[in-house]
Amino acid sequence: MKGTALCTRCEVSAVSAWNVRILMDVASHAITIHTLSKYCVDIACSSEVRLPIFGLAYSRSRSIINPGSEQKYWLYDCGGSNNLGRNGVAIVMSDKAHSALIEWKLTVWPTPRFKDKFYAELQLLTRPLRKHDMVIIGGDWNACVGHNAAAMTLAIGKYAIADRCCNGERFLHCAKEHYLFVTNTCFRHHRKHLIM
């Protein structure tokens, strides 16, 4: 779906990413939306989301109202087959950001052919963008980007961890090609949050 610009010059939009872990009921939705509203977050990319969906692979969207302010947020979520509602990804967007949504894709790949198709579609989607357009690609890519290699200094920060996997290699190639940066490699994370 095509949208309008998210922000103009001198206008601030807040983007966040975190492991929400659970969105199984209305109360957890309300807490999440209240927190986003409190910190004026327009786009939140959430990974390892647990949702009340079972069985087949799914992708859906719905609106959620912040009870305190009646501000509307949109939740886009998806997950793989047979995951019992676990390990999904979600993007929560404010009404302002919702108008700028360009594309939402399921990134659970059953075969390498689907992964190739996804990256080809991503290439087609980003090719016509202007140089000064803000591009945010969020989600759980299941990609270990590894330590900072000399060739990748423009794509990853000094806090990348673990060894690079094939998903990480593909992801970094895409990031380098589109002048994107893997932001979670910029910050030192607490040891209990690291997965190696």
C-alpha atoms as a PDB file:
ATOM      1  CA  MET A   1       0.000   0.000   0.000  1.00  0.00           C
ATOM      2  CA  LYS A   2       1.351   3.452  -0.840  1.00  0.00           C
ATOM      3  CA  GLY A   3       1.290   6.254   1.703  1.00  0.00           C
ATOM      4  CA  THR A   4       2.176   9.855   2.304  1.00  0.00           C
ATOM      5  CA  ALA A   5       5.278  11.282   3.929  1.00  0.00           C
ATOM      6  CA  LEU A   6       5.665  10.475   7.623  1.00  0.00           C
ATOM      7  CA  CYS A   7       7.402  13.711   8.500  1.00  0.00           C
ATOM      8  CA  THR A   8       8.502  16.959   6.980  1.00  0.00           C
ATOM      9  CA  ARG A   9      11.600  19.016   7.730  1.00  0.00           C
ATOM     10  CA  CYS A  10      12.027  19.962  11.393  1.00  0.00           C
ATOM     11  CA  GLU A  11       9.318  17.501  12.435  1.00  0.00           C
ATOM     12  CA  VAL A  12      10.345  14.721  14.791  1.00  0.00           C
ATOM     13  CA  SER A  13       9.085  11.151  14.565  1.00  0.00           C
ATOM     14  CA  ALA A  14      10.070   8.606  17.194  1.00  0.00           C
ATOM     15  CA  VAL A  15      10.925   5.042  16.198  1.00  0.00           C
ATOM     16  CA  SER A  16      11.608   2.269  18.699  1.00  0.00           C
ATOM     17  CA  ALA A  17      12.348  -1.448  18.744  1.00  0.00           C
ATOM     18  CA  TRP A  18      12.000  -3.933  21.568  1.00  0.00           C
ATOM     19  CA  ASN A  19      11.027  -7.473  22.518  1.00  0.00           C
ATOM     20  CA  VAL A  20       7.470  -7.019  23.772  1.00  0.00           C
ATOM     21  CA  ARG A  21       7.177 -10.742  24.494  1.00  0.00           C
ATOM     22  CA  ILE A  22       3.432 -10.833  25.095  1.00  0.00           C
ATOM     23  CA  LEU A  23       0.359  -9.255  23.533  1.00  0.00           C
ATOM     24  CA  MET A  24      -2.068 -12.032  24.396  1.00  0.00           C
ATOM     25  CA  ASP A  25      -4.884  -9.972  25.890  1.00  0.00           C
ATOM     26  CA  VAL A  26      -6.547  -6.561  25.847  1.00  0.00           C
ATOM     27  CA  ALA A  27      -4.719  -5.449  29.011  1.00  0.00           C
ATOM     28  CA  SER A  28      -1.256  -6.057  27.523  1.00  0.00           C
ATOM     29  CA  HIS A  29      -2.333  -4.208  24.343  1.00  0.00           C
ATOM     30  CA  ALA A  30      -3.461  -1.265  26.501  1.00  0.00           C
ATOM     31  CA  ILE A  31      -0.183  -1.174  28.457  1.00  0.00           C
ATOM     32  CA  THR A  32       1.869  -1.261  25.251  1.00  0.00           C
ATOM     33  CA  ILE A  33      -0.204   1.463  23.577  1.00  0.00           C
ATOM     34  CA  HIS A  34      -0.155   3.623  26.718  1.00  0.00           C
ATOM     35  CA  THR A  35       3.657   3.347  26.870  1.00  0.00           C
ATOM     36  CA  LEU A  36       4.025   4.272  23.183  1.00  0.00           C
ATOM     37  CA  SER A  37       1.714   7.239  23.647  1.00  0.00           C
ATOM     38  CA  LYS A  38       3.539   8.370  26.809  1.00  0.00           C
ATOM     39  CA  TYR A  39       6.897   8.453  24.992  1.00  0.00           C
ATOM     40  CA  CYS A  40       5.376   9.827  21.743  1.00  0.00           C
ATOM     41  CA  VAL A  41       6.550   6.817  19.711  1.00  0.00           C
ATOM     42  CA  ASP A  42       5.202   6.771  16.153  1.00  0.00           C
ATOM     43  CA  ILE A  43       6.620   3.418  15.018  1.00  0.00           C
ATOM     44  CA  ALA A  44       7.547   0.479  17.259  1.00  0.00           C
ATOM     45  CA  CYS A  45       9.108  -2.636  15.731  1.00  0.00           C
ATOM     46  CA  SER A  46       8.515  -5.538  18.119  1.00  0.00           C
ATOM     47  CA  SER A  47      10.060  -8.978  17.916  1.00  0.00           C
ATOM     48  CA  GLU A  48       9.451 -12.271  19.706  1.00  0.00           C
ATOM     49  CA  VAL A  49       5.797 -11.267  20.072  1.00  0.00           C
ATOM     50  CA  ARG A  50       3.352 -13.752  21.562  1.00  0.00           C
ATOM     51  CA  LEU A  51      -0.154 -13.420  20.173  1.00  0.00           C
ATOM     52  CA  PRO A  52      -3.329 -15.516  20.445  1.00  0.00           C
ATOM     53  CA  ILE A  53      -2.976 -17.061  16.962  1.00  0.00           C
ATOM     54  CA  PHE A  54      -2.538 -20.755  16.354  1.00  0.00           C
ATOM     55  CA  GLY A  55      -1.961 -22.972  13.342  1.00  0.00           C
ATOM     56  CA  LEU A  56      -1.259 -21.556   9.891  1.00  0.00           C
ATOM     57  CA  ALA A  57       1.089 -18.739   8.989  1.00  0.00           C
ATOM     58  CA  TYR A  58      -0.749 -15.456   9.316  1.00  0.00           C
ATOM     59  CA  SER A  59      -0.468 -11.749   8.676  1.00  0.00           C
ATOM     60  CA  ARG A  60      -3.069  -9.235   9.808  1.00  0.00           C
ATOM     61  CA  SER A  61      -3.680  -5.734  11.073  1.00  0.00           C
ATOM     62  CA  ARG A  62      -6.049  -4.098  13.539  1.00  0.00           C
ATOM     63  CA  SER A  63      -6.498  -0.781  15.281  1.00  0.00           C
ATOM     64  CA  ILE A  64      -6.122  -0.288  19.034  1.00  0.00           C
ATOM     65  CA  ILE A  65      -7.344   2.777  20.927  1.00  0.00           C
ATOM     66  CA  ASN A  66      -5.307   4.205  23.825  1.00  0.00           C
ATOM     67  CA  PRO A  67      -7.924   4.286  26.631  1.00  0.00           C
ATOM     68  CA  GLY A  68      -6.480   7.416  28.255  1.00  0.00           C
ATOM     69  CA  SER A  69      -6.343   9.670  25.208  1.00  0.00           C
ATOM     70  CA  GLU A  70      -8.453   7.954  22.539  1.00  0.00           C
ATOM     71  CA  GLN A  71      -5.355   8.087  20.311  1.00  0.00           C
ATOM     72  CA  LYS A  72      -5.479   5.332  17.701  1.00  0.00           C
ATOM     73  CA  TYR A  73      -2.585   2.974  16.991  1.00  0.00           C
ATOM     74  CA  TRP A  74      -2.368   0.253  14.354  1.00  0.00           C
ATOM     75  CA  LEU A  75      -0.920  -3.182  15.083  1.00  0.00           C
ATOM     76  CA  TYR A  76       0.451  -5.215  12.167  1.00  0.00           C
ATOM     77  CA  ASP A  77       1.498  -8.682  13.215  1.00  0.00           C
ATOM     78  CA  CYS A  78       2.537 -11.940  11.604  1.00  0.00           C
ATOM     79  CA  GLY A  79       4.003 -15.276  12.546  1.00  0.00           C
ATOM     80  CA  GLY A  80       4.992 -18.609  11.112  1.00  0.00           C
ATOM     81  CA  SER A  81       3.076 -21.831  10.964  1.00  0.00           C
ATOM     82  CA  ASN A  82       2.898 -24.110  14.005  1.00  0.00           C
ATOM     83  CA  ASN A  83       4.476 -21.576  16.343  1.00  0.00           C
ATOM     84  CA  LEU A  84       1.591 -21.600  18.835  1.00  0.00           C
ATOM     85  CA  GLY A  85       1.356 -17.816  18.763  1.00  0.00           C
ATOM     86  CA  ARG A  86       5.035 -17.344  19.689  1.00  0.00           C
ATOM     87  CA  ASN A  87       8.028 -15.848  17.889  1.00  0.00           C
ATOM     88  CA  GLY A  88       5.970 -13.456  15.802  1.00  0.00           C
ATOM     89  CA  VAL A  89       6.852  -9.935  14.808  1.00  0.00           C
ATOM     90  CA  ALA A  90       4.712  -6.832  14.989  1.00  0.00           C
ATOM     91  CA  ILE A  91       4.834  -3.196  14.040  1.00  0.00           C
ATOM     92  CA  VAL A  92       2.746  -0.760  16.057  1.00  0.00           C
ATOM     93  CA  MET A  93       2.128   2.575  14.353  1.00  0.00           C
ATOM     94  CA  SER A  94       0.468   5.811  15.389  1.00  0.00           C
ATOM     95  CA  ASP A  95      -2.227   7.278  13.145  1.00  0.00           C
ATOM     96  CA  LYS A  96       0.371   9.743  11.844  1.00  0.00           C
ATOM     97  CA  ALA A  97       2.802   6.959  10.896  1.00  0.00           C
ATOM     98  CA  HIS A  98       0.060   4.670   9.611  1.00  0.00           C
ATOM     99  CA  SER A  99      -0.509   6.977   6.651  1.00  0.00           C
ATOM    100  CA  ALA A 100       3.143   6.479   5.605  1.00  0.00           C
ATOM    101  CA  LEU A 101       3.207   2.678   5.664  1.00  0.00           C
ATOM    102  CA  ILE A 102       4.487   1.441   2.343  1.00  0.00           C
ATOM    103  CA  GLU A 103       4.791  -2.313   2.739  1.00  0.00           C
ATOM    104  CA  TRP A 104       4.377  -5.082   5.290  1.00  0.00           C
ATOM    105  CA  LYS A 105       5.776  -8.526   4.576  1.00  0.00           C
ATOM    106  CA  LEU A 106       5.915 -11.818   6.385  1.00  0.00           C
ATOM    107  CA  THR A 107       9.609 -12.637   6.907  1.00  0.00           C
ATOM    108  CA  VAL A 108       9.303 -16.271   7.936  1.00  0.00           C
ATOM    109  CA  TRP A 109      10.833 -18.137   5.004  1.00  0.00           C
ATOM    110  CA  PRO A 110       9.956 -21.814   4.570  1.00  0.00           C
ATOM    111  CA  THR A 111      12.480 -22.197   1.694  1.00  0.00           C
ATOM    112  CA  PRO A 112      15.423 -20.238   0.240  1.00  0.00           C
ATOM    113  CA  ARG A 113      13.260 -19.486  -2.815  1.00  0.00           C
ATOM    114  CA  PHE A 114      10.879 -17.415  -0.647  1.00  0.00           C
ATOM    115  CA  LYS A 115      13.848 -15.551   0.852  1.00  0.00           C
ATOM    116  CA  ASP A 116      15.143 -14.726  -2.654  1.00  0.00           C
ATOM    117  CA  LYS A 117      11.688 -13.518  -3.659  1.00  0.00           C
ATOM    118  CA  PHE A 118      11.452 -11.334  -0.536  1.00  0.00           C
ATOM    119  CA  TYR A 119      14.796  -9.626  -1.184  1.00  0.00           C
ATOM    120  CA  ALA A 120      13.903  -9.118  -4.862  1.00  0.00           C
ATOM    121  CA  GLU A 121      10.615  -7.454  -3.840  1.00  0.00           C
ATOM    122  CA  LEU A 122      12.465  -5.322  -1.272  1.00  0.00           C
ATOM    123  CA  GLN A 123      14.857  -4.226  -4.024  1.00  0.00           C
ATOM    124  CA  LEU A 124      11.926  -3.251  -6.281  1.00  0.00           C
ATOM    125  CA  LEU A 125      10.262  -1.391  -3.431  1.00  0.00           C
ATOM    126  CA  THR A 126      13.312   0.656  -2.433  1.00  0.00           C
ATOM    127  CA  ARG A 127      14.723   1.370  -5.900  1.00  0.00           C
ATOM    128  CA  PRO A 128      12.398   4.307  -6.755  1.00  0.00           C
ATOM    129  CA  LEU A 129      12.941   6.077  -3.414  1.00  0.00           C
ATOM    130  CA  ARG A 130      14.685   9.430  -3.459  1.00  0.00           C
ATOM    131  CA  LYS A 131      18.089   9.863  -1.838  1.00  0.00           C
ATOM    132  CA  HIS A 132      16.712  11.919   1.056  1.00  0.00           C
ATOM    133  CA  ASP A 133      13.747   9.634   1.834  1.00  0.00           C
ATOM    134  CA  MET A 134      13.866   8.073   5.287  1.00  0.00           C
ATOM    135  CA  VAL A 135      13.805   4.281   5.021  1.00  0.00           C
ATOM    136  CA  ILE A 136      13.161   2.196   8.125  1.00  0.00           C
ATOM    137  CA  ILE A 137      13.211  -1.567   7.769  1.00  0.00           C
ATOM    138  CA  GLY A 138      12.211  -3.173  11.044  1.00  0.00           C
ATOM    139  CA  GLY A 139      11.449  -6.586  12.353  1.00  0.00           C
ATOM    140  CA  ASP A 140      13.067  -9.789  13.526  1.00  0.00           C
ATOM    141  CA  TRP A 141      15.276 -10.972  10.666  1.00  0.00           C
ATOM    142  CA  ASN A 142      16.814 -13.919  12.544  1.00  0.00           C
ATOM    143  CA  ALA A 143      20.132 -12.607  11.273  1.00  0.00           C
ATOM    144  CA  CYS A 144      23.375 -12.621  13.249  1.00  0.00           C
ATOM    145  CA  VAL A 145      25.498  -9.912  11.659  1.00  0.00           C
ATOM    146  CA  GLY A 146      28.691 -10.820  13.515  1.00  0.00           C
ATOM    147  CA  HIS A 147      31.515  -8.585  14.640  1.00  0.00           C
ATOM    148  CA  ASN A 148      32.352  -5.406  12.784  1.00  0.00           C
ATOM    149  CA  ALA A 149      34.389  -6.271   9.710  1.00  0.00           C
ATOM    150  CA  ALA A 150      36.399  -3.588   7.931  1.00  0.00           C
ATOM    151  CA  ALA A 151      34.241  -3.915   4.822  1.00  0.00           C
ATOM    152  CA  MET A 152      31.030  -3.366   6.766  1.00  0.00           C
ATOM    153  CA  THR A 153      31.860  -0.319   8.906  1.00  0.00           C
ATOM    154  CA  LEU A 154      29.145   1.687   7.166  1.00  0.00           C
ATOM    155  CA  ALA A 155      26.449  -0.920   7.916  1.00  0.00           C
ATOM    156  CA  ILE A 156      27.123  -2.104  11.484  1.00  0.00           C
ATOM    157  CA  GLY A 157      28.377  -0.590  14.734  1.00  0.00           C
ATOM    158  CA  LYS A 158      31.071  -1.735  17.116  1.00  0.00           C
ATOM    159  CA  TYR A 159      28.741  -3.745  19.382  1.00  0.00           C
ATOM    160  CA  ALA A 160      27.737  -6.467  16.929  1.00  0.00           C
ATOM    161  CA  ILE A 161      27.998  -9.905  18.522  1.00  0.00           C
ATOM    162  CA  ALA A 162      28.223 -13.596  17.651  1.00  0.00           C
ATOM    163  CA  ASP A 163      29.324 -15.102  14.363  1.00  0.00           C
ATOM    164  CA  ARG A 164      27.712 -14.057  11.122  1.00  0.00           C
ATOM    165  CA  CYS A 165      25.141 -16.501   9.725  1.00  0.00           C
ATOM    166  CA  CYS A 166      23.821 -16.795   6.147  1.00  0.00           C
ATOM    167  CA  ASN A 167      20.765 -14.643   7.025  1.00  0.00           C
ATOM    168  CA  GLY A 168      23.138 -12.065   8.516  1.00  0.00           C
ATOM    169  CA  GLU A 169      25.319 -12.069   5.401  1.00  0.00           C
ATOM    170  CA  ARG A 170      22.293 -11.513   3.166  1.00  0.00           C
ATOM    171  CA  PHE A 171      20.908  -8.824   5.474  1.00  0.00           C
ATOM    172  CA  LEU A 172      24.234  -6.943   5.580  1.00  0.00           C
ATOM    173  CA  HIS A 173      24.557  -7.096   1.806  1.00  0.00           C
ATOM    174  CA  CYS A 174      21.083  -5.531   1.513  1.00  0.00           C
ATOM    175  CA  ALA A 175      21.952  -2.881   4.132  1.00  0.00           C
ATOM    176  CA  LYS A 176      25.200  -1.963   2.373  1.00  0.00           C
ATOM    177  CA  GLU A 177      23.483  -1.800  -1.020  1.00  0.00           C
ATOM    178  CA  HIS A 178      20.794   0.598   0.256  1.00  0.00           C
ATOM    179  CA  TYR A 179      23.003   2.645   2.630  1.00  0.00           C
ATOM    180  CA  LEU A 180      21.143   1.323   5.673  1.00  0.00           C
ATOM    181  CA  PHE A 181      22.562   0.876   9.162  1.00  0.00           C
ATOM    182  CA  VAL A 182      21.856  -1.918  11.668  1.00  0.00           C
ATOM    183  CA  THR A 183      21.033   0.268  14.662  1.00  0.00           C
ATOM    184  CA  ASN A 184      21.016  -2.370  17.397  1.00  0.00           C
ATOM    185  CA  THR A 185      24.787  -2.768  16.847  1.00  0.00           C
ATOM    186  CA  CYS A 186      25.391   0.822  18.078  1.00  0.00           C
ATOM    187  CA  PHE A 187      24.631   0.169  21.729  1.00  0.00           C
ATOM    188  CA  ARG A 188      26.139  -2.042  24.382  1.00  0.00           C
ATOM    189  CA  HIS A 189      23.371  -4.365  25.537  1.00  0.00           C
ATOM    190  CA  HIS A 190      23.141  -5.918  28.999  1.00  0.00           C
ATOM    191  CA  ARG A 191      24.586  -9.437  29.051  1.00  0.00           C
ATOM    192  CA  LYS A 192      21.222 -11.037  29.948  1.00  0.00           C
ATOM    193  CA  HIS A 193      19.706  -9.634  26.728  1.00  0.00           C
ATOM    194  CA  LEU A 194      22.376 -11.089  24.452  1.00  0.00           C
ATOM    195  CA  ILE A 195      21.713 -14.214  22.428  1.00  0.00           C
ATOM    196  CA  MET A 196      24.865 -15.812  21.082  1.00  0.00           C
END
